[in-house]
Protein backbone atom coordinates (compact mmCIF):
# COMPACT_ATOMS: atom_id res chain seq x y z
CA UNK A 1 -3.11 32.01 2.12
CA UNK A 2 -6.38 33.48 0.81
CA UNK A 3 -7.30 30.75 -1.66
CA UNK A 4 -9.51 27.75 -0.92
CA UNK A 5 -7.52 24.51 -1.14
CA UNK A 6 -9.56 21.79 -2.87
CA UNK A 7 -8.68 18.34 -1.52
CA UNK A 8 -9.49 15.45 -3.85
CA UNK A 9 -10.59 12.09 -2.48
CA UNK A 10 -12.09 8.81 -3.59
CA UNK A 11 -15.55 8.10 -2.22
CA UNK A 12 -14.86 5.11 0.02
CA UNK A 13 -15.06 5.49 3.80
CA UNK A 14 -11.33 4.89 4.17
CA UNK A 15 -10.37 7.35 1.43
CA UNK A 16 -12.60 9.97 3.04
CA UNK A 17 -10.98 9.35 6.41
CA UNK A 18 -7.59 9.96 4.82
CA UNK A 19 -8.70 13.15 3.08
CA UNK A 20 -10.45 14.46 6.20
CA UNK A 21 -7.28 13.91 8.24
CA UNK A 22 -5.31 16.14 5.87
CA UNK A 23 -8.22 18.58 5.79
CA UNK A 24 -8.16 18.78 9.61
CA UNK A 25 -4.39 19.27 9.77
CA UNK A 26 -4.49 22.06 7.19
CA UNK A 27 -7.41 23.80 8.87
CA UNK A 28 -5.48 23.78 12.13
CA UNK A 29 -2.94 25.95 10.30
CA UNK A 30 -5.67 28.38 9.26
CA UNK A 31 -5.89 27.07 5.69
CA UNK A 32 -9.38 27.19 4.14
CA UNK A 33 -10.21 23.86 2.49
CA UNK A 34 -12.99 21.93 0.78
CA UNK A 35 -13.35 18.25 -0.17
CA UNK A 36 -13.95 17.17 -3.76
CA UNK A 37 -15.05 13.56 -4.33
CA UNK A 38 -13.86 11.70 -7.44
CA UNK A 39 -14.53 8.08 -8.40
CA UNK A 40 -11.52 6.10 -9.59
CA UNK A 41 -11.41 3.31 -12.15
CA UNK A 42 -10.39 0.92 -9.41
CA UNK A 43 -13.59 1.72 -7.52
CA UNK A 44 -15.81 1.28 -10.57
CA UNK A 45 -14.57 -2.14 -11.73
CA UNK A 46 -14.78 -4.45 -8.72
CA UNK A 47 -14.65 -7.67 -10.74
CA UNK A 48 -11.42 -7.68 -12.76
CA UNK A 49 -8.25 -8.69 -10.88
CA UNK A 50 -6.08 -5.63 -10.30
CA UNK A 51 -3.17 -7.03 -12.31
CA UNK A 52 -5.46 -7.36 -15.35
CA UNK A 53 -6.47 -3.69 -15.10
CA UNK A 54 -2.96 -2.28 -15.45
CA UNK A 55 -2.83 -1.74 -11.73
CA UNK A 56 -0.07 0.86 -11.73
CA UNK A 57 -1.93 3.93 -10.52
CA UNK A 58 -5.38 2.35 -10.88
CA UNK A 59 -6.56 4.05 -7.67
CA UNK A 60 -4.59 7.26 -8.19
CA UNK A 61 -4.62 8.29 -11.83
CA UNK A 62 -8.13 9.81 -11.79
CA UNK A 63 -7.19 12.08 -8.89
CA UNK A 64 -3.85 12.86 -10.51
CA UNK A 65 -5.65 13.85 -13.72
CA UNK A 66 -7.92 16.16 -11.69
CA UNK A 67 -4.80 17.70 -10.16
CA UNK A 68 -3.16 18.31 -13.51
CA UNK A 69 -6.34 19.83 -14.96
CA UNK A 70 -6.74 22.18 -12.00
CA UNK A 71 -9.98 20.67 -10.67
CA UNK A 72 -8.33 20.01 -7.30
CA UNK A 73 -5.21 21.31 -5.54
CA UNK A 74 -4.29 18.29 -3.41
CA UNK A 75 -4.75 14.54 -3.82
CA UNK A 76 -4.52 12.24 -0.80
CA UNK A 77 -3.51 8.65 -1.53
CA UNK A 78 -2.46 5.51 0.25
CA UNK A 79 1.21 5.62 -0.70
CA UNK A 80 1.30 1.89 -1.48
CA UNK A 81 -1.09 2.61 -4.39
CA UNK A 82 1.13 5.31 -5.89
CA UNK A 83 3.51 4.33 -8.73
CA UNK A 84 7.19 4.79 -7.87
CA UNK A 85 7.38 7.32 -10.71
CA UNK A 86 4.89 10.17 -10.30
CA UNK A 87 3.23 11.70 -13.38
CA UNK A 88 5.12 14.62 -14.85
CA UNK A 89 4.39 17.98 -13.16
CA UNK A 90 3.18 16.38 -9.91
CA UNK A 91 5.16 16.23 -6.67
CA UNK A 92 4.95 14.70 -3.21
CA UNK A 93 4.12 17.54 -0.82
CA UNK A 94 4.09 15.52 2.42
CA UNK A 95 4.13 12.03 3.90
CA UNK A 96 2.47 12.10 7.34
CA UNK A 97 3.38 9.73 10.18
CA UNK A 98 2.77 6.12 9.22
CA UNK A 99 0.05 3.93 10.67
CA UNK A 100 0.34 0.17 11.11
CA UNK A 101 2.14 -1.50 8.21
CA UNK A 102 0.94 -5.00 9.10
CA UNK A 103 -1.54 -7.30 7.39
CA UNK A 104 -4.22 -9.06 9.41
CA UNK A 105 -6.36 -12.15 8.96
CA UNK A 106 -10.06 -11.71 9.64
CA UNK A 107 -11.74 -15.05 10.19
CA UNK A 108 -15.33 -16.20 10.74
CA UNK A 109 -15.11 -19.10 13.18
CA UNK A 110 -13.88 -18.49 16.71
CA UNK A 111 -10.64 -20.31 17.36
CA UNK A 112 -9.76 -20.73 13.68
CA UNK A 113 -6.05 -21.35 13.22
CA UNK A 114 -4.68 -21.87 9.72
CA UNK A 115 -2.62 -25.03 9.40
CA UNK A 116 -0.25 -26.04 6.60
CA UNK A 117 -1.67 -29.56 6.37
CA UNK A 118 -5.37 -28.62 6.50
CA UNK A 119 -7.43 -27.33 3.58
CA UNK A 120 -8.72 -23.78 4.11
CA UNK A 121 -9.98 -21.07 1.80
CA UNK A 122 -8.69 -17.53 2.27
CA UNK A 123 -9.82 -14.48 0.28
CA UNK A 124 -7.53 -11.79 -1.15
CA UNK A 125 -6.95 -10.20 -4.55
CA UNK A 126 -3.39 -9.17 -3.68
CA UNK A 127 -0.76 -11.24 -5.46
CA UNK A 128 1.71 -10.37 -2.70
CA UNK A 129 -0.59 -11.68 0.04
CA UNK A 130 -1.56 -14.72 -2.03
CA UNK A 131 2.05 -15.69 -2.74
CA UNK A 132 3.22 -15.27 0.85
CA UNK A 133 0.21 -17.16 2.18
CA UNK A 134 0.70 -20.08 -0.22
CA UNK A 135 4.39 -20.17 0.63
CA UNK A 136 3.42 -20.79 4.26
CA UNK A 137 0.21 -22.77 3.64
CA UNK A 138 0.59 -24.54 0.27
CA UNK A 139 -2.54 -26.70 0.73
CA UNK A 140 -4.82 -23.67 1.01
CA UNK A 141 -6.97 -22.07 -1.69
CA UNK A 142 -6.95 -18.32 -2.32
CA UNK A 143 -10.11 -16.71 -3.72
CA UNK A 144 -10.27 -13.19 -5.23
CA UNK A 145 -11.89 -10.43 -3.16
CA UNK A 146 -12.33 -6.84 -4.40
CA UNK A 147 -14.08 -3.73 -3.07
CA UNK A 148 -13.66 -1.33 -0.16
CA UNK A 149 -13.13 -2.65 3.36
CA UNK A 150 -16.83 -2.69 4.26
CA UNK A 151 -17.74 -4.51 1.06
CA UNK A 152 -15.00 -7.10 1.55
CA UNK A 153 -15.97 -7.77 5.16
CA UNK A 154 -19.58 -8.30 4.12
CA UNK A 155 -18.51 -10.64 1.32
CA UNK A 156 -16.45 -12.66 3.80
CA UNK A 157 -19.44 -12.88 6.13
CA UNK A 158 -21.80 -14.13 3.42
CA UNK A 159 -19.50 -16.54 1.55
CA UNK A 160 -19.92 -19.87 3.30
CA UNK A 161 -16.84 -21.56 1.81
CA UNK A 162 -14.38 -18.88 2.98
CA UNK A 163 -12.55 -19.30 6.27
CA UNK A 164 -11.02 -15.85 6.33
CA UNK A 165 -9.70 -12.87 4.38
CA UNK A 166 -6.57 -10.73 4.54
CA UNK A 167 -6.72 -6.97 5.13
CA UNK A 168 -4.34 -4.12 5.90
CA UNK A 169 -4.47 -3.39 9.62
CA UNK A 170 -4.25 0.37 9.05
CA UNK A 171 -7.49 0.50 7.09
CA UNK A 172 -9.47 -1.32 9.75
CA UNK A 173 -7.98 0.79 12.53
CA UNK A 174 -8.50 4.12 10.79
CA UNK A 175 -12.25 3.79 10.33
CA UNK A 176 -12.60 1.96 13.66
CA UNK A 177 -14.32 -1.12 12.33
CA UNK A 178 -15.39 -3.62 14.96
CA UNK A 179 -13.85 -6.90 13.82
CA UNK A 180 -13.84 -9.31 16.79
CA UNK A 181 -12.02 -12.23 15.17
CA UNK A 182 -8.75 -10.89 13.85
CA UNK A 183 -5.06 -11.73 14.15
CA UNK A 184 -1.89 -9.95 13.02
CA UNK A 185 0.21 -11.71 10.40
CA UNK A 186 3.61 -10.81 11.84
CA UNK A 187 5.38 -13.06 9.34
CA UNK A 188 3.89 -11.40 6.24
CA UNK A 189 5.92 -8.58 4.70
CA UNK A 190 3.72 -5.65 3.63
CA UNK A 191 3.48 -3.87 0.32
CA UNK A 192 6.14 -1.15 0.10
CA UNK A 193 4.82 1.97 1.90
CA UNK A 194 1.79 0.14 3.33
CA UNK A 195 0.20 2.12 6.16
CA UNK A 196 1.56 5.46 4.89
CA UNK A 197 -0.39 8.31 3.32
CA UNK A 198 0.90 10.81 0.79
CA UNK A 199 -0.19 14.32 -0.13
CA UNK A 200 0.38 15.13 -3.81
CA UNK A 201 0.14 18.55 -5.47
CA UNK A 202 1.25 20.26 -8.67
CA UNK A 203 5.02 20.61 -8.80
CA UNK A 204 4.86 24.35 -9.54
CA UNK A 205 2.59 25.12 -6.55
CA UNK A 206 5.44 26.24 -4.29
CA UNK A 207 3.12 27.97 -1.82
CA UNK A 208 1.12 24.80 -1.18
CA UNK A 209 4.24 22.62 -1.06
CA UNK A 210 5.67 24.86 1.65
CA UNK A 211 2.48 24.70 3.73
CA UNK A 212 2.20 20.91 3.42
CA UNK A 213 5.76 20.38 4.64
CA UNK A 214 4.47 20.86 8.19
CA UNK A 215 2.49 17.60 7.71
CA UNK A 216 5.59 15.64 6.75
CA UNK A 217 7.11 13.04 9.09
CA UNK A 218 10.78 12.70 8.19
CA UNK A 219 11.24 9.23 9.70
CA UNK A 220 8.26 7.82 7.81
CA UNK A 221 9.37 9.52 4.61
CA UNK A 222 12.87 8.05 4.91
CA UNK A 223 11.60 4.50 5.50
CA UNK A 224 9.02 4.45 2.70
CA UNK A 225 11.53 5.99 0.30
CA UNK A 226 13.79 2.98 0.90
CA UNK A 227 10.91 0.56 0.34
CA UNK A 228 9.79 2.28 -2.86
CA UNK A 229 13.37 2.41 -4.17
CA UNK A 230 13.58 -1.35 -3.55
CA UNK A 231 10.37 -1.85 -5.54
CA UNK A 232 11.55 0.46 -8.34
CA UNK A 233 14.90 -1.36 -8.67
CA UNK A 234 13.01 -4.66 -9.01
CA UNK A 235 10.86 -2.99 -11.71
CA UNK A 236 7.75 -4.08 -9.83
CA UNK A 237 4.35 -2.46 -9.63
CA UNK A 238 2.09 -2.46 -6.60
CA UNK A 239 0.38 -5.63 -7.90
CA UNK A 240 3.59 -7.67 -7.91
CA UNK A 241 4.33 -10.23 -5.17
CA UNK A 242 7.01 -8.04 -3.59
CA UNK A 243 7.12 -7.20 0.11
CA UNK A 244 9.26 -4.63 1.91
CA UNK A 245 9.50 -2.93 5.27
CA UNK A 246 12.06 -0.46 6.62
CA UNK A 247 12.02 0.38 10.33
CA UNK A 248 14.09 2.90 12.21
CA UNK A 249 16.06 1.46 15.15
CA UNK A 250 17.62 4.50 16.91
CA UNK A 251 20.69 5.06 14.69
CA UNK A 252 20.05 2.40 12.03
CA UNK A 253 17.36 1.38 9.55
CA UNK A 254 16.46 -2.32 9.49
CA UNK A 255 15.21 -3.40 6.06
CA UNK A 256 13.48 -6.64 5.08
CA UNK A 257 12.32 -7.47 1.57
CA UNK A 258 11.17 -10.43 -0.49
CA UNK A 259 9.90 -11.52 -3.89
CA UNK A 260 7.89 -14.67 -4.55
CA UNK A 261 6.58 -16.68 -7.46
CA UNK A 262 2.82 -16.42 -8.03
CA UNK A 263 2.21 -19.88 -6.57
CA UNK A 264 4.37 -19.13 -3.53
CA UNK A 265 6.68 -22.07 -4.18
CA UNK A 266 9.75 -19.92 -4.77
CA UNK A 267 10.92 -17.09 -2.54
CA UNK A 268 13.99 -14.90 -2.29
CA UNK A 269 14.42 -12.64 0.72
CA UNK A 270 16.85 -10.11 2.07
CA UNK A 271 17.53 -8.49 5.44
CA UNK A 272 19.99 -5.61 5.77
CA UNK A 273 20.80 -2.79 8.16
CA UNK A 274 21.86 0.72 7.13
CA UNK A 275 23.14 3.72 9.08
CA UNK A 276 20.26 6.13 9.57
CA UNK A 277 22.31 8.96 8.04
CA UNK A 278 23.31 6.99 4.92
CA UNK A 279 20.23 5.54 3.23
CA UNK A 280 20.24 7.31 -0.14
CA UNK A 281 20.96 4.06 -1.99
CA UNK A 282 19.64 1.60 0.59
CA UNK A 283 16.59 0.41 -1.35
CA UNK A 284 18.49 -0.15 -4.59
CA UNK A 285 21.34 -1.86 -2.74
CA UNK A 286 18.95 -4.27 -1.02
CA UNK A 287 17.22 -5.04 -4.32
CA UNK A 288 20.52 -5.82 -6.05
CA UNK A 289 21.51 -8.17 -3.23
CA UNK A 290 18.11 -9.87 -3.48
CA UNK A 291 18.43 -10.33 -7.24
CA UNK A 292 21.91 -11.77 -6.83
CA UNK A 293 20.71 -14.30 -4.25
CA UNK A 294 17.96 -15.93 -6.33
CA UNK A 295 15.53 -13.11 -6.84
CA UNK A 296 16.57 -12.51 -10.44
CA UNK A 297 15.11 -15.81 -11.62
CA UNK A 298 11.77 -15.09 -9.90
CA UNK A 299 11.66 -11.52 -11.22
CA UNK A 300 12.21 -12.71 -14.80
CA UNK A 301 9.43 -15.30 -14.45
CA UNK A 302 7.04 -12.69 -13.08
CA UNK A 303 7.76 -10.19 -15.85
CA UNK A 304 7.07 -12.89 -18.45
CA UNK A 305 3.79 -13.94 -16.80
CA UNK A 306 2.56 -10.36 -16.20
CA UNK A 307 3.06 -9.11 -19.76
């Protein structure tokens, strides 16, 4: 390949880490690349809650527009931020091996342990995290927190009334932030595709799609496809209180999913296992079972409230 491949990225430290990873992997194949930085709407407005901004694609649509206009050749996204339906004429070129899918609680006071019967204030702008937290700790207060990881950590440090804040483990690990007081939230289901990256290019760029296939991890791609199909069947966007994780267990895929009311008081959940060689309809099947077991009522309420 004689052309220079322009890799688009947002300007945050984490987004740059993601783009530089793909840049490194492509250069190892002898591909000539350059990084192009683009600011997204989600990075500019750090005040409005994501669900009020039309969150579907809020962090991806600026890069996708640059792709379609020919300003860049590749966009690198966190897959959890990507709508389940890509814009016309764009295609997924690769999904590299997944990082940690877990959420973590970062807290300020050593020895802090959240308790259901004690009042605490936790920061997060994710409706999914808020709903799951309130389901477990109904007496707690959730405060909104926007910005990149560094900004959010600083806000946690300087806001006296906050006891802690919820982050994605993968983001903290990838840019090697030193966060001494942190604990994994093993009970919290992640956003569909959390911890996974995706490389997107123009659908007609067959040469680039072929090259990027070497970056693809088939196991990760299979699992996140199930999670995103589950989300799509529930007609949920990435701002909805919907959690999902699919994990490969030798010859099966174990899937867990849930949907909660905004206040966390209502929850429907599903756990299913699928043969590893028969998962084409796994996500949709799990979603239909969830809807039939109480999820339909919650989904209808959410759609009414989020209009």
